[in-house]
């Protein structure tokens, strides 16, 4: 084929017509869904996590009252930022002396929406506790005697709090929301999976992966696990492979990482055809 002939061939964007399931909670799905659609894809919204207020509001109310007594406030997710900062800024402005920390770009955007200017996130594109703990602010010599509030959901990993305590910080864990499985009719998605009408699924948490499998159910389990799964962390990937997902793609963190992973994967697929 000549160069001129190649130039006459219109190459479609990698996501053109691709039907991609977005499983982020309903309140946080818009950005990723819009980006998929802007690239010609079809965003199939199917939230696998529902976010509720914490069962006991007292710890969050106390933290909102006394936030200036902390040196660092860590928000482990966008949900934590929205719930905690909503309560805090309803009472008072964010104190400038308190350093706010988020796990990645999505959390940082949620924090910034409440007028917080001083935000630290993992360097080099990381998006987990291990990456955040590499920052200079979280090294042992910087933490001794510092008061750190961790705003989080019910349960979850204890690694961050335990490591900060071991490094000399005074750590307070503050539950500000609880997660649950949405009351959502999965029949339409089951039908599309069974008909081969889904090209990819994105998942952003281990709990979300478990909820997705439970909501889809055994009848359509094989079709789900045969669909390419895109995840933003190796821990989710390990769990997916153990559960029997056949094609698991680990991307860079955040919406940008998922989009880049999707485009790379489907771009390569088009080239191979």
C-alpha atoms as a PDB file:
ATOM      1  CA  UNK A   1       0.000   0.000   0.000  1.00  0.00           C
ATOM      2  CA  UNK A   2       1.371   3.399  -0.956  1.00  0.00           C
ATOM      3  CA  UNK A   3       1.750   6.273   1.476  1.00  0.00           C
ATOM      4  CA  UNK A   4      -0.985   8.171  -0.382  1.00  0.00           C
ATOM      5  CA  UNK A   5      -3.341   5.209  -0.062  1.00  0.00           C
ATOM      6  CA  UNK A   6      -2.661   4.999   3.642  1.00  0.00           C
ATOM      7  CA  UNK A   7      -3.412   8.680   4.008  1.00  0.00           C
ATOM      8  CA  UNK A   8      -6.824   8.145   2.398  1.00  0.00           C
ATOM      9  CA  UNK A   9      -7.727   5.573   5.089  1.00  0.00           C
ATOM     10  CA  UNK A  10      -9.475   7.261   7.962  1.00  0.00           C
ATOM     11  CA  UNK A  11      -8.305   5.661  11.192  1.00  0.00           C
ATOM     12  CA  UNK A  12     -10.989   5.765  13.888  1.00  0.00           C
ATOM     13  CA  UNK A  13     -10.014   6.738  17.449  1.00  0.00           C
ATOM     14  CA  UNK A  14      -9.249   3.657  19.594  1.00  0.00           C
ATOM     15  CA  UNK A  15     -12.397   4.042  21.720  1.00  0.00           C
ATOM     16  CA  UNK A  16     -14.766   4.764  18.828  1.00  0.00           C
ATOM     17  CA  UNK A  17     -17.899   2.675  19.398  1.00  0.00           C
ATOM     18  CA  UNK A  18     -16.390   0.796  22.336  1.00  0.00           C
ATOM     19  CA  UNK A  19     -18.908   0.055  25.079  1.00  0.00           C
ATOM     20  CA  UNK A  20     -17.135   0.550  28.400  1.00  0.00           C
ATOM     21  CA  UNK A  21     -18.628  -0.047  31.831  1.00  0.00           C
ATOM     22  CA  UNK A  22     -17.886   2.685  34.394  1.00  0.00           C
ATOM     23  CA  UNK A  23     -18.317   1.315  37.925  1.00  0.00           C
ATOM     24  CA  UNK A  24     -17.344   4.374  39.964  1.00  0.00           C
ATOM     25  CA  UNK A  25     -19.949   5.536  42.528  1.00  0.00           C
ATOM     26  CA  UNK A  26     -22.670   7.568  40.831  1.00  0.00           C
ATOM     27  CA  UNK A  27     -21.402  10.853  42.329  1.00  0.00           C
ATOM     28  CA  UNK A  28     -17.908  10.333  40.851  1.00  0.00           C
ATOM     29  CA  UNK A  29     -18.580   8.718  37.479  1.00  0.00           C
ATOM     30  CA  UNK A  30     -19.194  11.851  35.405  1.00  0.00           C
ATOM     31  CA  UNK A  31     -15.610  12.769  34.524  1.00  0.00           C
ATOM     32  CA  UNK A  32     -14.562   9.320  33.332  1.00  0.00           C
ATOM     33  CA  UNK A  33     -17.843   8.778  31.479  1.00  0.00           C
ATOM     34  CA  UNK A  34     -17.572  12.146  29.709  1.00  0.00           C
ATOM     35  CA  UNK A  35     -13.969  11.471  28.688  1.00  0.00           C
ATOM     36  CA  UNK A  36     -14.916   8.085  27.223  1.00  0.00           C
ATOM     37  CA  UNK A  37     -17.791   9.665  25.292  1.00  0.00           C
ATOM     38  CA  UNK A  38     -15.570  12.521  24.076  1.00  0.00           C
ATOM     39  CA  UNK A  39     -13.364   9.856  22.473  1.00  0.00           C
ATOM     40  CA  UNK A  40     -16.291   8.293  20.673  1.00  0.00           C
ATOM     41  CA  UNK A  41     -16.903   5.510  23.178  1.00  0.00           C
ATOM     42  CA  UNK A  42     -20.119   4.543  24.927  1.00  0.00           C
ATOM     43  CA  UNK A  43     -19.981   4.876  28.725  1.00  0.00           C
ATOM     44  CA  UNK A  44     -22.201   2.276  30.395  1.00  0.00           C
ATOM     45  CA  UNK A  45     -22.737   3.559  33.932  1.00  0.00           C
ATOM     46  CA  UNK A  46     -23.080   0.814  36.517  1.00  0.00           C
ATOM     47  CA  UNK A  47     -22.096   2.039  40.015  1.00  0.00           C
ATOM     48  CA  UNK A  48     -21.025  -0.848  42.215  1.00  0.00           C
ATOM     49  CA  UNK A  49     -20.594   1.160  45.414  1.00  0.00           C
ATOM     50  CA  UNK A  50     -23.115   3.321  47.236  1.00  0.00           C
ATOM     51  CA  UNK A  51     -21.863   5.878  49.755  1.00  0.00           C
ATOM     52  CA  UNK A  52     -23.797   6.549  52.967  1.00  0.00           C
ATOM     53  CA  UNK A  53     -23.225   8.696  56.040  1.00  0.00           C
ATOM     54  CA  UNK A  54     -21.294   7.057  58.852  1.00  0.00           C
ATOM     55  CA  UNK A  55     -23.407   5.177  61.386  1.00  0.00           C
ATOM     56  CA  UNK A  56     -21.920   7.271  64.211  1.00  0.00           C
ATOM     57  CA  UNK A  57     -21.588  10.973  63.299  1.00  0.00           C
ATOM     58  CA  UNK A  58     -19.795  11.954  66.533  1.00  0.00           C
ATOM     59  CA  UNK A  59     -16.141  11.356  65.438  1.00  0.00           C
ATOM     60  CA  UNK A  60     -16.587  13.481  62.327  1.00  0.00           C
ATOM     61  CA  UNK A  61     -18.402  16.218  64.222  1.00  0.00           C
ATOM     62  CA  UNK A  62     -15.585  16.311  66.782  1.00  0.00           C
ATOM     63  CA  UNK A  63     -12.966  16.497  64.047  1.00  0.00           C
ATOM     64  CA  UNK A  64     -14.854  19.316  62.327  1.00  0.00           C
ATOM     65  CA  UNK A  65     -14.825  21.243  65.598  1.00  0.00           C
ATOM     66  CA  UNK A  66     -11.147  20.600  66.373  1.00  0.00           C
ATOM     67  CA  UNK A  67      -9.536  20.357  62.929  1.00  0.00           C
ATOM     68  CA  UNK A  68      -7.029  23.132  63.663  1.00  0.00           C
ATOM     69  CA  UNK A  69      -5.509  20.919  66.374  1.00  0.00           C
ATOM     70  CA  UNK A  70      -4.148  18.562  63.715  1.00  0.00           C
ATOM     71  CA  UNK A  71      -0.997  19.062  61.678  1.00  0.00           C
ATOM     72  CA  UNK A  72      -1.948  16.818  58.745  1.00  0.00           C
ATOM     73  CA  UNK A  73      -5.322  15.584  57.497  1.00  0.00           C
ATOM     74  CA  UNK A  74      -5.271  12.594  55.145  1.00  0.00           C
ATOM     75  CA  UNK A  75      -8.310  11.896  52.959  1.00  0.00           C
ATOM     76  CA  UNK A  76      -8.073   8.324  51.702  1.00  0.00           C
ATOM     77  CA  UNK A  77     -10.585   8.734  48.856  1.00  0.00           C
ATOM     78  CA  UNK A  78     -12.753  11.323  47.091  1.00  0.00           C
ATOM     79  CA  UNK A  79     -15.668  10.095  49.213  1.00  0.00           C
ATOM     80  CA  UNK A  80     -13.708  10.799  52.383  1.00  0.00           C
ATOM     81  CA  UNK A  81     -12.852  14.292  51.131  1.00  0.00           C
ATOM     82  CA  UNK A  82     -16.423  15.119  50.205  1.00  0.00           C
ATOM     83  CA  UNK A  83     -17.990  13.815  53.413  1.00  0.00           C
ATOM     84  CA  UNK A  84     -15.349  15.171  55.783  1.00  0.00           C
ATOM     85  CA  UNK A  85     -14.766  18.541  54.175  1.00  0.00           C
ATOM     86  CA  UNK A  86     -18.498  19.054  53.728  1.00  0.00           C
ATOM     87  CA  UNK A  87     -18.886  18.733  57.490  1.00  0.00           C
ATOM     88  CA  UNK A  88     -15.796  20.797  58.312  1.00  0.00           C
ATOM     89  CA  UNK A  89     -16.428  23.723  55.966  1.00  0.00           C
ATOM     90  CA  UNK A  90     -20.061  23.911  57.046  1.00  0.00           C
ATOM     91  CA  UNK A  91     -18.704  25.052  60.442  1.00  0.00           C
ATOM     92  CA  UNK A  92     -15.604  27.000  59.519  1.00  0.00           C
ATOM     93  CA  UNK A  93     -13.008  27.772  56.871  1.00  0.00           C
ATOM     94  CA  UNK A  94     -10.216  25.277  56.396  1.00  0.00           C
ATOM     95  CA  UNK A  95      -7.239  26.278  58.621  1.00  0.00           C
ATOM     96  CA  UNK A  96      -4.254  27.107  56.416  1.00  0.00           C
ATOM     97  CA  UNK A  97      -1.735  25.573  58.842  1.00  0.00           C
ATOM     98  CA  UNK A  98      -3.201  22.083  58.401  1.00  0.00           C
ATOM     99  CA  UNK A  99      -1.692  20.143  55.507  1.00  0.00           C
ATOM    100  CA  UNK A 100      -4.294  18.235  53.479  1.00  0.00           C
ATOM    101  CA  UNK A 101      -3.169  15.016  51.811  1.00  0.00           C
ATOM    102  CA  UNK A 102      -4.955  12.935  49.179  1.00  0.00           C
ATOM    103  CA  UNK A 103      -4.171   9.594  47.588  1.00  0.00           C
ATOM    104  CA  UNK A 104      -4.101  10.870  44.011  1.00  0.00           C
ATOM    105  CA  UNK A 105      -5.481  13.282  41.434  1.00  0.00           C
ATOM    106  CA  UNK A 106      -9.152  12.366  41.980  1.00  0.00           C
ATOM    107  CA  UNK A 107      -8.908  12.916  45.733  1.00  0.00           C
ATOM    108  CA  UNK A 108      -6.957  16.142  45.215  1.00  0.00           C
ATOM    109  CA  UNK A 109      -9.703  17.529  42.965  1.00  0.00           C
ATOM    110  CA  UNK A 110     -12.319  16.665  45.584  1.00  0.00           C
ATOM    111  CA  UNK A 111     -10.275  18.402  48.296  1.00  0.00           C
ATOM    112  CA  UNK A 112      -9.671  21.512  46.184  1.00  0.00           C
ATOM    113  CA  UNK A 113     -13.401  21.979  45.578  1.00  0.00           C
ATOM    114  CA  UNK A 114     -13.710  22.994  49.244  1.00  0.00           C
ATOM    115  CA  UNK A 115     -11.208  25.830  48.919  1.00  0.00           C
ATOM    116  CA  UNK A 116      -8.200  23.978  50.339  1.00  0.00           C
ATOM    117  CA  UNK A 117      -5.072  25.310  48.656  1.00  0.00           C
ATOM    118  CA  UNK A 118      -2.288  23.335  50.330  1.00  0.00           C
ATOM    119  CA  UNK A 119      -2.671  19.743  49.147  1.00  0.00           C
ATOM    120  CA  UNK A 120       0.003  17.040  48.949  1.00  0.00           C
ATOM    121  CA  UNK A 121      -0.372  13.857  46.912  1.00  0.00           C
ATOM    122  CA  UNK A 122       1.962  10.977  46.073  1.00  0.00           C
ATOM    123  CA  UNK A 123       4.811  11.878  43.796  1.00  0.00           C
ATOM    124  CA  UNK A 124       5.529  10.123  40.483  1.00  0.00           C
ATOM    125  CA  UNK A 125       1.866   9.410  39.839  1.00  0.00           C
ATOM    126  CA  UNK A 126       1.256   7.045  42.750  1.00  0.00           C
ATOM    127  CA  UNK A 127      -2.194   6.621  44.245  1.00  0.00           C
ATOM    128  CA  UNK A 128      -1.986   4.482  47.372  1.00  0.00           C
ATOM    129  CA  UNK A 129      -0.775   4.522  50.976  1.00  0.00           C
ATOM    130  CA  UNK A 130       2.663   3.206  50.032  1.00  0.00           C
ATOM    131  CA  UNK A 131       3.169   6.034  47.543  1.00  0.00           C
ATOM    132  CA  UNK A 132       1.918   8.723  49.930  1.00  0.00           C
ATOM    133  CA  UNK A 133       4.251   7.495  52.660  1.00  0.00           C
ATOM    134  CA  UNK A 134       7.234   8.137  50.373  1.00  0.00           C
ATOM    135  CA  UNK A 135       6.673  11.885  50.493  1.00  0.00           C
ATOM    136  CA  UNK A 136       9.118  13.936  52.612  1.00  0.00           C
ATOM    137  CA  UNK A 137       6.311  15.087  54.925  1.00  0.00           C
ATOM    138  CA  UNK A 138       5.692  11.498  56.011  1.00  0.00           C
ATOM    139  CA  UNK A 139       9.242  10.435  56.823  1.00  0.00           C
ATOM    140  CA  UNK A 140      10.034   9.424  60.447  1.00  0.00           C
ATOM    141  CA  UNK A 141      12.119  12.512  61.148  1.00  0.00           C
ATOM    142  CA  UNK A 142       9.226  14.767  60.144  1.00  0.00           C
ATOM    143  CA  UNK A 143       6.418  12.975  61.969  1.00  0.00           C
ATOM    144  CA  UNK A 144       7.479  12.632  65.570  1.00  0.00           C
ATOM    145  CA  UNK A 145       4.862  14.307  67.756  1.00  0.00           C
ATOM    146  CA  UNK A 146       2.777  15.434  64.775  1.00  0.00           C
ATOM    147  CA  UNK A 147      -0.983  14.937  64.982  1.00  0.00           C
ATOM    148  CA  UNK A 148      -2.459  13.239  61.938  1.00  0.00           C
ATOM    149  CA  UNK A 149      -6.170  12.747  61.203  1.00  0.00           C
ATOM    150  CA  UNK A 150      -7.094   9.996  58.732  1.00  0.00           C
ATOM    151  CA  UNK A 151     -10.536  10.529  57.228  1.00  0.00           C
ATOM    152  CA  UNK A 152     -11.790   7.279  55.780  1.00  0.00           C
ATOM    153  CA  UNK A 153     -14.717   4.928  55.320  1.00  0.00           C
ATOM    154  CA  UNK A 154     -15.754   2.154  57.647  1.00  0.00           C
ATOM    155  CA  UNK A 155     -13.064  -0.509  57.795  1.00  0.00           C
ATOM    156  CA  UNK A 156     -10.407  -0.653  55.116  1.00  0.00           C
ATOM    157  CA  UNK A 157      -6.656  -1.135  55.280  1.00  0.00           C
ATOM    158  CA  UNK A 158      -4.817  -0.258  58.472  1.00  0.00           C
ATOM    159  CA  UNK A 159      -1.419   0.025  56.791  1.00  0.00           C
ATOM    160  CA  UNK A 160      -1.339   3.828  56.598  1.00  0.00           C
ATOM    161  CA  UNK A 161      -2.323   4.444  60.214  1.00  0.00           C
ATOM    162  CA  UNK A 162      -0.031   1.743  61.549  1.00  0.00           C
ATOM    163  CA  UNK A 163       2.949   3.057  59.578  1.00  0.00           C
ATOM    164  CA  UNK A 164       2.380   6.663  60.624  1.00  0.00           C
ATOM    165  CA  UNK A 165       2.149   5.569  64.260  1.00  0.00           C
ATOM    166  CA  UNK A 166       5.371   3.571  63.928  1.00  0.00           C
ATOM    167  CA  UNK A 167       7.055   6.681  62.529  1.00  0.00           C
ATOM    168  CA  UNK A 168       6.111   8.720  65.587  1.00  0.00           C
ATOM    169  CA  UNK A 169       2.849  10.417  64.647  1.00  0.00           C
ATOM    170  CA  UNK A 170      -0.224  10.659  66.873  1.00  0.00           C
ATOM    171  CA  UNK A 171      -2.881   9.180  64.613  1.00  0.00           C
ATOM    172  CA  UNK A 172      -6.657   9.581  64.874  1.00  0.00           C
ATOM    173  CA  UNK A 173      -8.828   7.509  62.518  1.00  0.00           C
ATOM    174  CA  UNK A 174     -12.104   9.239  61.697  1.00  0.00           C
ATOM    175  CA  UNK A 175     -14.821   7.264  59.869  1.00  0.00           C
ATOM    176  CA  UNK A 176     -16.869   9.695  57.804  1.00  0.00           C
ATOM    177  CA  UNK A 177     -18.863   7.396  55.518  1.00  0.00           C
ATOM    178  CA  UNK A 178     -19.791   3.789  54.975  1.00  0.00           C
ATOM    179  CA  UNK A 179     -19.895   1.819  51.769  1.00  0.00           C
ATOM    180  CA  UNK A 180     -22.629  -0.485  50.574  1.00  0.00           C
ATOM    181  CA  UNK A 181     -23.888  -2.317  47.530  1.00  0.00           C
ATOM    182  CA  UNK A 182     -26.334  -0.193  45.491  1.00  0.00           C
ATOM    183  CA  UNK A 183     -29.937  -1.263  44.991  1.00  0.00           C
ATOM    184  CA  UNK A 184     -29.542  -1.390  41.232  1.00  0.00           C
ATOM    185  CA  UNK A 185     -31.206  -3.511  38.554  1.00  0.00           C
ATOM    186  CA  UNK A 186     -28.370  -5.450  36.930  1.00  0.00           C
ATOM    187  CA  UNK A 187     -30.569  -7.168  34.324  1.00  0.00           C
ATOM    188  CA  UNK A 188     -29.764  -4.718  31.474  1.00  0.00           C
ATOM    189  CA  UNK A 189     -26.020  -5.116  31.983  1.00  0.00           C
ATOM    190  CA  UNK A 190     -26.359  -8.894  32.308  1.00  0.00           C
ATOM    191  CA  UNK A 191     -28.161  -8.967  28.973  1.00  0.00           C
ATOM    192  CA  UNK A 192     -25.489  -6.877  27.265  1.00  0.00           C
ATOM    193  CA  UNK A 193     -22.699  -9.035  28.675  1.00  0.00           C
ATOM    194  CA  UNK A 194     -24.440 -12.217  27.578  1.00  0.00           C
ATOM    195  CA  UNK A 195     -24.912 -10.784  24.073  1.00  0.00           C
ATOM    196  CA  UNK A 196     -21.253  -9.767  23.793  1.00  0.00           C
ATOM    197  CA  UNK A 197     -22.183  -6.103  23.718  1.00  0.00           C
ATOM    198  CA  UNK A 198     -19.650  -4.924  26.323  1.00  0.00           C
ATOM    199  CA  UNK A 199     -16.050  -4.289  25.255  1.00  0.00           C
ATOM    200  CA  UNK A 200     -14.457  -3.413  28.604  1.00  0.00           C
ATOM    201  CA  UNK A 201     -15.128  -2.949  32.307  1.00  0.00           C
ATOM    202  CA  UNK A 202     -13.327  -0.473  34.581  1.00  0.00           C
ATOM    203  CA  UNK A 203     -13.024  -1.047  38.324  1.00  0.00           C
ATOM    204  CA  UNK A 204     -11.331   1.258  40.835  1.00  0.00           C
ATOM    205  CA  UNK A 205     -11.473  -0.649  44.145  1.00  0.00           C
ATOM    206  CA  UNK A 206     -11.286  -4.190  45.476  1.00  0.00           C
ATOM    207  CA  UNK A 207     -14.647  -3.825  47.178  1.00  0.00           C
ATOM    208  CA  UNK A 208     -16.120  -2.601  43.923  1.00  0.00           C
ATOM    209  CA  UNK A 209     -14.802  -5.698  42.165  1.00  0.00           C
ATOM    210  CA  UNK A 210     -16.470  -7.963  44.719  1.00  0.00           C
ATOM    211  CA  UNK A 211     -19.751  -6.053  44.453  1.00  0.00           C
ATOM    212  CA  UNK A 212     -19.646  -6.195  40.663  1.00  0.00           C
ATOM    213  CA  UNK A 213     -19.331  -9.987  40.675  1.00  0.00           C
ATOM    214  CA  UNK A 214     -22.126 -10.329  43.235  1.00  0.00           C
ATOM    215  CA  UNK A 215     -24.457  -7.994  41.345  1.00  0.00           C
ATOM    216  CA  UNK A 216     -23.897  -9.711  37.988  1.00  0.00           C
ATOM    217  CA  UNK A 217     -24.432 -13.134  39.551  1.00  0.00           C
ATOM    218  CA  UNK A 218     -23.482 -16.674  38.592  1.00  0.00           C
ATOM    219  CA  UNK A 219     -25.620 -16.861  35.459  1.00  0.00           C
ATOM    220  CA  UNK A 220     -23.578 -14.217  33.626  1.00  0.00           C
ATOM    221  CA  UNK A 221     -20.321 -14.750  35.513  1.00  0.00           C
ATOM    222  CA  UNK A 222     -18.507 -16.352  32.586  1.00  0.00           C
ATOM    223  CA  UNK A 223     -19.359 -13.493  30.222  1.00  0.00           C
ATOM    224  CA  UNK A 224     -18.195 -10.908  32.782  1.00  0.00           C
ATOM    225  CA  UNK A 225     -14.898 -12.669  33.413  1.00  0.00           C
ATOM    226  CA  UNK A 226     -14.233 -13.017  29.694  1.00  0.00           C
ATOM    227  CA  UNK A 227     -14.544  -9.237  29.206  1.00  0.00           C
ATOM    228  CA  UNK A 228     -11.307  -7.192  29.421  1.00  0.00           C
ATOM    229  CA  UNK A 229     -11.072  -5.651  32.895  1.00  0.00           C
ATOM    230  CA  UNK A 230      -9.164  -2.411  33.462  1.00  0.00           C
ATOM    231  CA  UNK A 231      -8.014  -1.634  37.008  1.00  0.00           C
ATOM    232  CA  UNK A 232      -5.867   1.145  38.423  1.00  0.00           C
ATOM    233  CA  UNK A 233      -3.949  -0.853  41.025  1.00  0.00           C
ATOM    234  CA  UNK A 234      -2.039  -4.113  41.145  1.00  0.00           C
ATOM    235  CA  UNK A 235      -3.907  -5.280  44.291  1.00  0.00           C
ATOM    236  CA  UNK A 236      -7.213  -5.146  42.412  1.00  0.00           C
ATOM    237  CA  UNK A 237      -5.587  -6.966  39.508  1.00  0.00           C
ATOM    238  CA  UNK A 238      -4.347  -9.758  41.768  1.00  0.00           C
ATOM    239  CA  UNK A 239      -7.816 -10.269  43.208  1.00  0.00           C
ATOM    240  CA  UNK A 240      -9.365 -10.234  39.733  1.00  0.00           C
ATOM    241  CA  UNK A 241      -6.973 -12.858  38.428  1.00  0.00           C
ATOM    242  CA  UNK A 242      -7.577 -15.033  41.478  1.00  0.00           C
ATOM    243  CA  UNK A 243     -11.322 -14.712  40.837  1.00  0.00           C
ATOM    244  CA  UNK A 244     -10.869 -15.973  37.276  1.00  0.00           C
ATOM    245  CA  UNK A 245     -10.936 -12.842  35.115  1.00  0.00           C
ATOM    246  CA  UNK A 246      -9.186 -13.782  31.893  1.00  0.00           C
ATOM    247  CA  UNK A 247      -7.881 -10.408  30.671  1.00  0.00           C
ATOM    248  CA  UNK A 248      -6.837  -7.956  33.392  1.00  0.00           C
ATOM    249  CA  UNK A 249      -5.079  -4.731  32.417  1.00  0.00           C
ATOM    250  CA  UNK A 250      -3.362  -2.647  35.111  1.00  0.00           C
ATOM    251  CA  UNK A 251      -3.320   1.037  34.205  1.00  0.00           C
ATOM    252  CA  UNK A 252      -1.798   4.146  35.724  1.00  0.00           C
ATOM    253  CA  UNK A 253      -3.842   5.694  38.558  1.00  0.00           C
ATOM    254  CA  UNK A 254      -6.911   7.874  38.220  1.00  0.00           C
ATOM    255  CA  UNK A 255      -9.248   8.564  35.327  1.00  0.00           C
ATOM    256  CA  UNK A 256      -6.344   9.645  33.125  1.00  0.00           C
ATOM    257  CA  UNK A 257      -4.591   6.346  33.746  1.00  0.00           C
ATOM    258  CA  UNK A 258      -7.700   4.315  32.935  1.00  0.00           C
ATOM    259  CA  UNK A 259      -8.280   6.276  29.724  1.00  0.00           C
ATOM    260  CA  UNK A 260      -4.681   5.871  28.600  1.00  0.00           C
ATOM    261  CA  UNK A 261      -4.850   2.144  29.322  1.00  0.00           C
ATOM    262  CA  UNK A 262      -8.072   1.762  27.365  1.00  0.00           C
ATOM    263  CA  UNK A 263      -6.718   3.697  24.389  1.00  0.00           C
ATOM    264  CA  UNK A 264      -3.464   1.743  24.348  1.00  0.00           C
ATOM    265  CA  UNK A 265      -5.257  -1.602  24.578  1.00  0.00           C
ATOM    266  CA  UNK A 266      -7.851  -0.926  21.890  1.00  0.00           C
ATOM    267  CA  UNK A 267      -5.351   0.908  19.689  1.00  0.00           C
ATOM    268  CA  UNK A 268      -3.177  -2.205  19.700  1.00  0.00           C
ATOM    269  CA  UNK A 269      -6.232  -4.354  19.015  1.00  0.00           C
ATOM    270  CA  UNK A 270      -7.088  -2.310  15.931  1.00  0.00           C
ATOM    271  CA  UNK A 271      -3.491  -2.558  14.689  1.00  0.00           C
ATOM    272  CA  UNK A 272      -3.520  -6.339  15.028  1.00  0.00           C
ATOM    273  CA  UNK A 273      -6.695  -6.746  12.995  1.00  0.00           C
END
